[in-house]
Each structure stands twice: as structure tokens, then as C-alpha cells.
Amino acid sequence: MISDTLKKALHYQDWDTQVIHLSQQLDSVPGEIARIRESIAAEEAEIKRQQQEIASCELRRSQAELEIENLETQITRFKTQQITVKKTEEYEAFNEQIRNAEAKVSECEDTVLGILDEIDSKSGKLDADRKTCSERVAYLNGVIGDWEKKALSIASELKTASAALETAKIDVDPALMTSYTRLKSQGKRPPCIVPVRDQCCGGCHMRVSNDTLKKARMGELATCDQCSRILYVED
């Protein structure tokens, strides 16, 4: 049978279990929010990476265009100098330099066109990904908001449960509370008060002795021979 003393202790244990459960839930919230923020950071980092790629392409294009300007300046200078020469071999030498410079200009122009195509392709992808990222970040920020609201709700429940726990503690027999507290200090989490079923402890599921079972049946303070949990026999 369950004595009134044990019933009060079980009532306390119910609140204790709820406080532990709510505390665990509340403690998990910062980690959940941190993981979401990491996802947001990853989304934004990908957009930044793509922007940096486009910026790199723009730099390469600027360098190629500057090279074209320098080559065209060289060509103009060669042509100006070519006019002043008297010898055929000197004239042909300038022609060769002009042709080489013009070939390089053509190569640079092809490079610029290739870079422009690359920029267009990357920009198109960036626009699409930026839209997706914006929607995703908005959603994830909403999820963070939900977790923050949940944390407030849990904190409120925890405050209520903690107050009820303290109230229930007043009615628990001091000796029983000492045993209960000792069990928790040994690393055992509720339930620290468990039923005996088929002469087995409801905590560790090991068989209890006949003397222990007799004490539990009589409503006396009985503890498991193996795990030291407090035992009772259900009515």
C-alpha cells in the first residue's frame, strides 16, 4: 500500500520531474537558436562569396580593358614613329610590332567578352540565389522568433512548477526528503521513488529481497537493494 507520507513524496516528485523537464527544454533553446543563426550566416556567406566572385571578374575585366588601352596607345605611338623612318626594314619592324600589339588587343577583347559572359551568368545566379536567401532568412528569423516566444512560455511554466515544487516540499517527511536528495546527488534523476512490480525495482528492474518487498507492502521506507531508489507497492 502507499502511505500518505509516500503519496506526498510522489506528489513532490511529480513536480520535481516537471521542473527538470522544463529546465532541460529551456536550456536547449539557446542551442536551437544558435544553430538557426549558423544557417542564416551560411546562407548570407554564400551570397557574399558569389558577390566576391563577381567583383573578381569585374577586376579582371578592368585589368584586361586597361591592357587594351595600353596596347592601343602603343599602336598609336608605333604608327607615329613609323611615319618618320626612312628604311624599309625599319618600316617593316614597326609593322611587326603593330601587328603583334593588334593581336594582343584582339586576345584581350576576347578575354573581356568571356569575362562579361561569366559576369552575366554569375549575376543571374546571384539574383536568383539572393531572392531565395532573403526568403529563407526571413523564414529562419521567424523560427527564431517562435523559439524566443516558446522560451518565454517555458520560463513561465517553470516558474509556476518551481513554486509548486517548493510548496509540495513542505509536506514531505524530512527523512524521506533526505533520502530523495541523496539519490539525486548520486546522479539519479527522478523517478527516485518507484513502484515494485513482480518483485522487481521499477528503476533498475533488478529483483528486490523479500524483506524489502515486505517493508514496501507495509508502507515503510524501503529502498532497492541494488540502486537504492525508494520503493512502494501500488494499491
Protein backbone atom coordinates (compact mmCIF):
# COMPACT_ATOMS: atom_id res chain seq x y z
CA MET A 1 0.00 0.00 0.00
CA ILE A 2 1.07 3.58 -0.48
CA SER A 3 1.29 5.54 2.77
CA ASP A 4 0.24 9.18 2.99
CA THR A 5 3.91 10.01 3.54
CA LEU A 6 4.87 8.40 0.24
CA LYS A 7 1.92 9.96 -1.57
CA LYS A 8 3.18 13.39 -0.55
CA ALA A 9 6.67 12.44 -1.70
CA LEU A 10 5.29 11.20 -5.02
CA HIS A 11 3.44 14.48 -5.44
CA TYR A 12 6.72 16.29 -4.84
CA GLN A 13 8.47 14.01 -7.33
CA ASP A 14 5.87 14.78 -9.98
CA TRP A 15 6.64 18.49 -9.70
CA ASP A 16 10.38 17.82 -9.49
CA THR A 17 10.21 15.79 -12.71
CA GLN A 18 8.29 18.59 -14.41
CA VAL A 19 10.80 21.20 -13.24
CA ILE A 20 13.68 19.11 -14.59
CA HIS A 21 11.90 18.57 -17.90
CA LEU A 22 11.06 22.28 -18.30
CA SER A 23 14.60 23.28 -17.31
CA GLN A 24 16.01 20.97 -19.97
CA GLN A 25 13.66 22.44 -22.55
CA LEU A 26 14.63 25.97 -21.60
CA ASP A 27 18.34 25.14 -21.63
CA SER A 28 18.01 23.72 -25.16
CA VAL A 29 16.57 26.93 -26.61
CA PRO A 30 19.87 28.89 -26.94
CA GLY A 31 21.44 25.97 -28.78
CA GLU A 32 18.49 25.72 -31.18
CA ILE A 33 18.62 29.46 -31.87
CA ALA A 34 22.40 29.31 -32.33
CA ARG A 35 22.02 26.54 -34.93
CA ILE A 36 19.45 28.61 -36.81
CA ARG A 37 21.72 31.65 -36.72
CA GLU A 38 24.52 29.48 -38.13
CA SER A 39 22.21 28.52 -41.00
CA ILE A 40 21.44 32.20 -41.64
CA ALA A 41 25.15 33.03 -41.56
CA ALA A 42 25.85 30.21 -44.04
CA GLU A 43 23.13 31.47 -46.38
CA GLU A 44 24.49 35.03 -46.24
CA ALA A 45 28.08 33.85 -46.58
CA GLU A 46 27.20 32.06 -49.83
CA ILE A 47 25.71 35.27 -51.23
CA LYS A 48 28.81 37.19 -50.17
CA ARG A 49 31.01 34.56 -51.83
CA GLN A 50 29.13 34.95 -55.10
CA GLN A 51 29.41 38.74 -54.85
CA GLN A 52 33.15 38.41 -54.33
CA GLU A 53 33.40 36.17 -57.39
CA ILE A 54 31.63 38.80 -59.49
CA ALA A 55 33.86 41.52 -58.03
CA SER A 56 36.88 39.42 -59.01
CA CYS A 57 35.51 39.11 -62.54
CA GLU A 58 35.00 42.87 -62.70
CA LEU A 59 38.60 43.39 -61.61
CA ARG A 60 39.85 41.01 -64.31
CA ARG A 61 37.73 42.85 -66.87
CA SER A 62 39.14 46.22 -65.75
CA GLN A 63 42.67 44.85 -66.00
CA ALA A 64 42.01 43.48 -69.49
CA GLU A 65 40.45 46.78 -70.62
CA LEU A 66 43.42 48.69 -69.21
CA GLU A 67 45.72 46.37 -71.12
CA ILE A 68 43.77 47.16 -74.31
CA GLU A 69 44.17 50.89 -73.67
CA ASN A 70 47.91 50.48 -73.14
CA LEU A 71 48.24 48.40 -76.31
CA GLU A 72 46.24 50.90 -78.35
CA THR A 73 48.49 53.67 -77.04
CA GLN A 74 51.50 51.62 -78.13
CA ILE A 75 49.97 51.07 -81.58
CA THR A 76 49.39 54.80 -81.98
CA ARG A 77 52.96 55.50 -80.94
CA PHE A 78 54.34 52.85 -83.31
CA LYS A 79 52.34 54.28 -86.21
CA THR A 80 53.56 57.80 -85.42
CA GLN A 81 57.16 56.61 -85.28
CA GLN A 82 56.70 54.54 -88.41
CA ILE A 83 55.96 57.65 -90.45
CA THR A 84 59.37 59.11 -89.63
CA VAL A 85 61.51 56.14 -90.67
CA LYS A 86 63.34 56.06 -93.99
CA LYS A 87 64.46 52.48 -94.26
CA THR A 88 62.20 49.64 -95.39
CA GLU A 89 63.43 47.25 -92.72
CA GLU A 90 62.66 49.80 -90.02
CA TYR A 91 59.20 50.35 -91.51
CA GLU A 92 58.56 46.58 -91.53
CA ALA A 93 59.84 46.31 -87.98
CA PHE A 94 57.19 48.78 -86.88
CA ASN A 95 54.61 46.85 -88.90
CA GLU A 96 55.55 43.70 -86.96
CA GLN A 97 55.22 45.50 -83.65
CA ILE A 98 51.86 46.92 -84.69
CA ARG A 99 50.59 43.52 -85.79
CA ASN A 100 51.73 41.91 -82.52
CA ALA A 101 50.07 44.63 -80.48
CA GLU A 102 46.85 44.36 -82.51
CA ALA A 103 46.86 40.58 -81.99
CA LYS A 104 47.19 41.13 -78.25
CA VAL A 105 44.34 43.66 -78.40
CA SER A 106 42.19 41.04 -80.11
CA GLU A 107 43.08 38.47 -77.43
CA CYS A 108 42.25 40.95 -74.66
CA GLU A 109 38.94 41.83 -76.31
CA ASP A 110 38.06 38.13 -76.46
CA THR A 111 39.02 37.88 -72.79
CA VAL A 112 36.76 40.82 -71.94
CA LEU A 113 33.85 39.27 -73.83
CA GLY A 114 34.41 35.97 -72.00
CA ILE A 115 34.51 37.76 -68.66
CA LEU A 116 31.32 39.68 -69.49
CA ASP A 117 29.56 36.40 -70.27
CA GLU A 118 30.83 35.00 -66.98
CA ILE A 119 29.61 38.09 -65.11
CA ASP A 120 26.18 37.83 -66.75
CA SER A 121 25.91 34.16 -65.79
CA LYS A 122 27.07 34.71 -62.22
CA SER A 123 24.88 37.80 -61.82
CA GLY A 124 21.82 35.87 -62.95
CA LYS A 125 22.53 33.12 -60.46
CA LEU A 126 23.24 35.68 -57.74
CA ASP A 127 19.91 37.44 -58.32
CA ALA A 128 18.03 34.15 -58.04
CA ASP A 129 20.02 32.97 -55.02
CA ARG A 130 19.71 36.36 -53.32
CA LYS A 131 15.92 36.14 -53.60
CA THR A 132 15.92 32.60 -52.24
CA CYS A 133 18.31 33.63 -49.46
CA SER A 134 16.13 36.59 -48.49
CA GLU A 135 13.06 34.36 -48.25
CA ARG A 136 14.98 31.70 -46.35
CA VAL A 137 16.48 34.19 -43.88
CA ALA A 138 13.05 35.75 -43.30
CA TYR A 139 11.66 32.29 -42.56
CA LEU A 140 14.54 31.38 -40.22
CA ASN A 141 14.21 34.70 -38.37
CA GLY A 142 10.56 33.80 -37.90
CA VAL A 143 11.58 30.44 -36.47
CA ILE A 144 13.93 32.24 -34.07
CA GLY A 145 11.01 34.40 -33.02
CA ASP A 146 8.95 31.27 -32.37
CA TRP A 147 11.73 29.81 -30.23
CA GLU A 148 12.01 33.05 -28.26
CA LYS A 149 8.26 33.01 -27.61
CA LYS A 150 8.48 29.35 -26.65
CA ALA A 151 11.29 30.16 -24.22
CA LEU A 152 9.13 32.79 -22.53
CA SER A 153 6.27 30.30 -22.25
CA ILE A 154 8.54 27.60 -20.84
CA ALA A 155 10.07 30.08 -18.40
CA SER A 156 6.59 30.96 -17.18
CA GLU A 157 5.67 27.29 -16.76
CA LEU A 158 8.97 26.65 -15.00
CA LYS A 159 8.32 29.48 -12.56
CA THR A 160 4.89 28.03 -11.75
CA ALA A 161 6.24 24.48 -11.43
CA SER A 162 9.15 25.63 -9.24
CA ALA A 163 6.75 27.41 -6.90
CA ALA A 164 4.55 24.31 -6.73
CA LEU A 165 7.63 22.19 -6.05
CA GLU A 166 8.61 24.34 -3.09
CA THR A 167 5.06 24.15 -1.75
CA ALA A 168 4.96 20.35 -2.13
CA LYS A 169 8.33 20.05 -0.38
CA ILE A 170 6.85 21.40 2.84
CA ASP A 171 4.65 18.31 3.18
CA VAL A 172 7.39 15.74 2.53
CA ASP A 173 8.79 13.85 5.51
CA PRO A 174 12.30 15.24 6.24
CA ALA A 175 13.89 11.78 6.40
CA LEU A 176 12.30 10.84 3.08
CA MET A 177 13.40 14.15 1.56
CA THR A 178 16.95 13.50 2.75
CA SER A 179 16.95 10.09 1.04
CA TYR A 180 15.44 11.60 -2.11
CA THR A 181 18.01 14.40 -2.19
CA ARG A 182 20.86 11.95 -1.62
CA LEU A 183 19.70 9.83 -4.55
CA LYS A 184 19.67 12.88 -6.83
CA SER A 185 23.13 13.89 -5.62
CA GLN A 186 24.35 10.45 -6.67
CA GLY A 187 23.35 11.26 -10.23
CA LYS A 188 19.96 9.59 -10.22
CA ARG A 189 17.21 11.61 -11.82
CA PRO A 190 13.56 11.21 -10.96
CA PRO A 191 11.86 8.92 -10.60
CA CYS A 192 13.78 8.26 -7.42
CA ILE A 193 10.62 6.83 -5.89
CA VAL A 194 9.48 3.86 -7.96
CA PRO A 195 6.96 1.03 -7.71
CA VAL A 196 7.82 -2.61 -7.17
CA ARG A 197 6.36 -4.84 -9.88
CA ASP A 198 6.79 -8.61 -9.92
CA GLN A 199 9.22 -8.13 -7.01
CA CYS A 200 11.45 -6.00 -9.27
CA CYS A 201 12.53 -2.40 -8.77
CA GLY A 202 10.77 -0.03 -11.14
CA GLY A 203 14.03 1.91 -11.52
CA CYS A 204 16.81 -0.59 -12.17
CA HIS A 205 14.46 -3.56 -12.80
CA MET A 206 16.52 -5.81 -10.53
CA ARG A 207 14.84 -8.23 -8.12
CA VAL A 208 14.42 -6.95 -4.57
CA SER A 209 14.71 -9.04 -1.43
CA ASN A 210 11.69 -10.42 0.40
CA ASP A 211 12.40 -8.18 3.39
CA THR A 212 12.49 -5.12 1.18
CA LEU A 213 9.29 -6.14 -0.54
CA LYS A 214 7.63 -6.67 2.85
CA LYS A 215 8.61 -3.18 4.01
CA ALA A 216 7.29 -1.65 0.80
CA ARG A 217 3.99 -3.50 1.18
CA MET A 218 3.62 -2.23 4.73
CA GLY A 219 4.19 1.35 3.60
CA GLU A 220 7.53 1.63 5.39
CA LEU A 221 10.59 3.34 3.96
CA ALA A 222 12.07 0.67 1.70
CA THR A 223 14.96 1.06 -0.74
CA CYS A 224 16.15 -1.07 -3.63
CA ASP A 225 18.97 -3.44 -2.72
CA GLN A 226 20.74 -2.55 -5.98
CA CYS A 227 20.12 1.13 -6.88
CA SER A 228 18.88 2.47 -3.52
CA ARG A 229 15.76 4.01 -5.05
CA ILE A 230 12.82 4.40 -2.70
CA LEU A 231 10.21 1.71 -3.29
CA TYR A 232 6.48 1.42 -2.86
CA VAL A 233 3.81 -1.12 -3.79
CA GLU A 234 0.94 0.23 -5.82
CA ASP A 235 -2.54 -0.09 -4.32
